[in-house]
Structure formats: structure tokens, C-alpha cells
Amino acid sequence: LLVIAVGVGCRPPEPLGQAEQGKAALGWQNQAPADFPTALELPLHAAIKKGDMDSIRELAVGQAALAAKDPFGATPLHIATANGNLTAVQLLLKAGAKPDESNFGKQTALHFAALNGNEQIAAALIAGGAKVNALDDEHWTPLDCALWKGKGIFFKTLKDKQKVADLLVKHGGKRGEGGDH
């Protein structure tokens, strides 16, 4: 399943439209450079979108595939995190994926885990070396994303987001300059 977060920073625009109706879609279209190819379908990204663990294992060999960005700046780790696929996140980290790669909005995978209230993935990313105070292009840290009361890409509950916030604070997480929680 592929998710689309069209918006700025950690906040998708309101109303959520299709995502709100249970039809998730993923895209960082508003943040892609004008000259970036739009028809690019990278094999590792596609395997993660499909949840094909055998293909993910095969394709995750080599740093080039792990750092490759789709037309919206998302790495395979962003896609796995956005889709809530803990097994894929762990596999990618073990294969050498860098947890602090950012998309075109300067969001890391940890921003996505925090936004979605996914404590297990946030913990895996932190254990893999993710910076807990990385700033996106709106000066939001992952903690800001966890504290934001709005819906994430896949919204669980505010209680789940609070668990991620607590985890981030435990590891030195601080709020950025973004405010608006």
C-alpha cells in the first residue's frame, strides 16, 4: 500500500479527501523540483509498495538502491516507514540505509513515524542512528510531528502519537520552531 502526503512539513492539507475516505495515496508532488522525472519507478520502491519482502531482500543489496529517491524525494526507507512496514524498515536499516536521508520537504523517515504514531518504527529508526531533532523545511522536528494533533499519513490515535513523543523526549527530542500544535 502506498500513501500520499501532499502538503507542507508534517501537516497534510485539509481536508484529507481520498485519504480521509480510506483511499490512501502518497506523493510529495508539491516539493519536487520542476525538472525531476515523474515517470520513474524504482524497483526497490515498487517492491516496498507491494510489501514483497523477497524482492526487498534481493534489491536492498548495495548502497545505491538504498539511497535512491523517487520523483518526490522519498527513499525506500521513507516508503517503508510511511506504509508502517516494520520488517522492511529493519531490513533496510540492516542493509545500510541511512535513517537521516530527507525527502524534498527535508522530512526524514523519523518524521513520518512520528506523524503516524508508529512507536516500533520510531524506535527502530532511533536504534539505527536517526537524529531525533532533524528539522524539516518548516523547522519541525519529529517531536513536533508527534505532538501535532492533526491526522498523519495513516492516522492511528493521539495516544499512539503521544507514545512516540515520549520515546523521542527520552532520546533527547526537542521541539523545533514550527509551533502550531
Protein backbone atom coordinates (compact mmCIF):
# COMPACT_ATOMS: atom_id res chain seq x y z
CA LEU A 1 0.00 0.00 0.00
CA LEU A 2 1.37 3.37 -0.95
CA VAL A 3 0.45 6.53 0.89
CA ILE A 4 0.43 10.15 -0.27
CA ALA A 5 1.14 13.11 1.94
CA VAL A 6 0.59 16.16 -0.15
CA GLY A 7 1.23 19.22 1.93
CA VAL A 8 3.97 21.09 3.61
CA GLY A 9 6.01 19.93 6.56
CA CYS A 10 4.41 17.22 8.67
CA ARG A 11 0.92 18.50 8.04
CA PRO A 12 -1.14 17.27 5.10
CA PRO A 13 -3.60 19.83 3.74
CA GLU A 14 -7.17 19.84 5.00
CA PRO A 15 -9.47 18.30 4.03
CA LEU A 16 -7.72 14.99 3.52
CA GLY A 17 -10.01 13.93 0.68
CA GLN A 18 -9.27 10.40 -0.51
CA ALA A 19 -7.06 9.52 2.45
CA GLU A 20 -9.89 10.55 4.77
CA GLN A 21 -12.20 8.17 2.89
CA GLY A 22 -9.82 5.25 3.42
CA LYS A 23 -8.19 5.50 0.00
CA ALA A 24 -4.59 6.28 0.82
CA ALA A 25 -2.35 7.88 -1.72
CA LEU A 26 1.27 9.11 -1.39
CA GLY A 27 3.04 12.00 -3.04
CA TRP A 28 5.34 14.84 -2.34
CA GLN A 29 4.47 16.46 -5.67
CA ASN A 30 4.47 19.99 -4.35
CA GLN A 31 8.08 19.63 -3.22
CA ALA A 32 9.66 18.01 -6.30
CA PRO A 33 11.99 20.09 -8.46
CA ALA A 34 10.39 21.07 -11.77
CA ASP A 35 12.99 19.13 -13.80
CA PHE A 36 12.73 15.88 -11.80
CA PRO A 37 11.49 12.90 -13.88
CA THR A 38 7.91 11.97 -12.99
CA ALA A 39 7.62 8.56 -14.64
CA LEU A 40 10.44 6.99 -12.66
CA GLU A 41 9.51 3.73 -10.92
CA LEU A 42 12.44 2.41 -8.94
CA PRO A 43 12.46 -1.37 -8.35
CA LEU A 44 13.13 -1.24 -4.59
CA HIS A 45 10.48 1.42 -4.08
CA ALA A 46 8.00 -0.71 -6.06
CA ALA A 47 8.80 -3.83 -4.02
CA ILE A 48 8.25 -1.92 -0.77
CA LYS A 49 4.95 -0.51 -2.03
CA LYS A 50 3.82 -4.08 -2.79
CA GLY A 51 5.17 -5.44 0.51
CA ASP A 52 7.19 -8.05 -1.42
CA MET A 53 9.75 -8.99 1.23
CA ASP A 54 11.67 -11.42 -1.02
CA SER A 55 12.22 -8.70 -3.62
CA ILE A 56 13.06 -6.18 -0.91
CA ARG A 57 15.78 -8.50 0.44
CA GLU A 58 17.18 -9.04 -3.05
CA LEU A 59 17.08 -5.38 -4.09
CA ALA A 60 18.35 -3.91 -0.80
CA VAL A 61 21.88 -5.06 -1.60
CA GLY A 62 24.05 -2.09 -2.40
CA GLN A 63 24.04 1.48 -1.19
CA ALA A 64 22.82 2.97 -4.49
CA ALA A 65 19.39 1.34 -4.23
CA LEU A 66 19.05 2.28 -0.55
CA ALA A 67 19.74 5.97 -1.21
CA ALA A 68 17.74 6.21 -4.44
CA LYS A 69 14.98 8.81 -4.38
CA ASP A 70 11.71 8.60 -6.24
CA PRO A 71 10.35 11.63 -8.12
CA PHE A 72 9.14 13.07 -4.81
CA GLY A 73 12.39 12.64 -2.92
CA ALA A 74 11.33 9.57 -0.95
CA THR A 75 13.89 6.89 -0.26
CA PRO A 76 12.92 3.24 0.23
CA LEU A 77 13.12 3.88 4.00
CA HIS A 78 10.59 6.73 3.69
CA ILE A 79 8.20 4.44 1.78
CA ALA A 80 8.56 1.55 4.25
CA THR A 81 8.03 3.91 7.18
CA ALA A 82 5.04 5.65 5.61
CA ASN A 83 3.46 2.26 4.95
CA GLY A 84 4.10 1.08 8.51
CA ASN A 85 6.18 -1.90 7.39
CA LEU A 86 8.43 -2.53 10.41
CA THR A 87 10.04 -5.62 8.87
CA ALA A 88 11.04 -3.67 5.75
CA VAL A 89 12.35 -0.78 7.87
CA GLN A 90 14.51 -3.17 9.91
CA LEU A 91 15.78 -4.92 6.78
CA LEU A 92 16.66 -1.63 5.08
CA LEU A 93 18.49 -0.35 8.16
CA LYS A 94 20.41 -3.62 8.47
CA ALA A 95 21.35 -3.37 4.78
CA GLY A 96 22.80 0.09 5.40
CA ALA A 97 20.01 2.56 4.69
CA LYS A 98 20.81 5.94 6.22
CA PRO A 99 17.97 6.92 8.56
CA ASP A 100 18.53 10.67 8.11
CA GLU A 101 18.07 10.88 4.34
CA SER A 102 15.43 13.51 3.68
CA ASN A 103 12.76 13.96 1.05
CA PHE A 104 12.23 17.24 -0.81
CA GLY A 105 10.46 18.67 2.28
CA LYS A 106 13.54 17.76 4.35
CA GLN A 107 11.47 15.17 6.25
CA THR A 108 13.25 12.07 7.47
CA ALA A 109 11.70 8.66 8.00
CA LEU A 110 11.51 9.53 11.71
CA HIS A 111 9.26 12.50 10.87
CA PHE A 112 6.90 10.01 9.15
CA ALA A 113 6.99 7.52 12.03
CA ALA A 114 6.20 10.32 14.49
CA LEU A 115 3.44 11.74 12.35
CA ASN A 116 1.82 8.31 12.08
CA GLY A 117 2.23 7.39 15.75
CA ASN A 118 4.30 4.32 14.94
CA GLU A 119 6.36 3.74 18.08
CA GLN A 120 8.01 0.50 16.92
CA ILE A 121 9.29 2.04 13.70
CA ALA A 122 10.39 5.19 15.53
CA ALA A 123 12.34 3.01 17.99
CA ALA A 124 13.95 1.05 15.13
CA LEU A 125 14.96 4.28 13.38
CA ILE A 126 16.43 5.73 16.58
CA ALA A 127 18.32 2.48 17.22
CA GLY A 128 19.56 2.74 13.63
CA GLY A 129 21.05 6.16 14.30
CA ALA A 130 18.27 8.56 13.30
CA LYS A 131 18.73 12.11 14.56
CA VAL A 132 15.80 12.83 16.88
CA ASN A 133 16.00 16.59 16.28
CA ALA A 134 16.23 16.70 12.47
CA LEU A 135 14.47 19.77 11.06
CA ASP A 136 12.18 19.68 8.04
CA ASP A 137 11.64 22.66 5.75
CA GLU A 138 9.12 24.16 8.21
CA HIS A 139 11.57 23.76 11.11
CA TRP A 140 9.56 20.89 12.60
CA THR A 141 11.32 18.10 14.43
CA PRO A 142 9.92 14.58 14.68
CA LEU A 143 8.67 15.59 18.15
CA ASP A 144 6.64 18.41 16.57
CA CYS A 145 5.10 15.85 14.22
CA ALA A 146 4.23 13.55 17.12
CA LEU A 147 2.71 16.40 19.14
CA TRP A 148 0.66 17.73 16.25
CA LYS A 149 -2.99 16.84 16.87
CA GLY A 150 -3.83 16.51 13.16
CA LYS A 151 -4.03 13.35 11.13
CA GLY A 152 -0.88 11.80 9.76
CA ILE A 153 -0.42 9.83 6.58
CA PHE A 154 -2.07 6.86 8.27
CA PHE A 155 -3.69 8.12 11.43
CA LYS A 156 -3.72 5.78 14.39
CA THR A 157 -4.65 7.67 17.56
CA LEU A 158 -3.34 10.62 19.50
CA LYS A 159 -2.41 8.10 22.20
CA ASP A 160 -0.08 6.36 19.71
CA LYS A 161 1.44 9.69 18.72
CA GLN A 162 1.97 10.50 22.41
CA LYS A 163 3.90 7.24 22.84
CA VAL A 164 6.21 8.32 20.03
CA ALA A 165 6.54 11.78 21.61
CA ASP A 166 7.53 10.16 24.92
CA LEU A 167 10.09 7.98 23.12
CA LEU A 168 11.56 10.98 21.34
CA VAL A 169 11.83 13.00 24.56
CA LYS A 170 13.51 10.01 26.24
CA HIS A 171 16.15 10.17 23.48
CA GLY A 172 16.65 13.94 23.69
CA GLY A 173 13.92 15.05 21.30
CA LYS A 174 13.09 18.73 21.33
CA ARG A 175 10.53 20.91 19.59
CA GLY A 176 11.58 22.97 16.62
CA GLU A 177 10.47 26.43 15.63
CA GLY A 178 7.38 25.22 13.72
CA GLY A 179 4.88 25.55 16.56
CA ASP A 180 1.18 25.22 15.60
CA HIS A 181 0.45 22.05 17.55
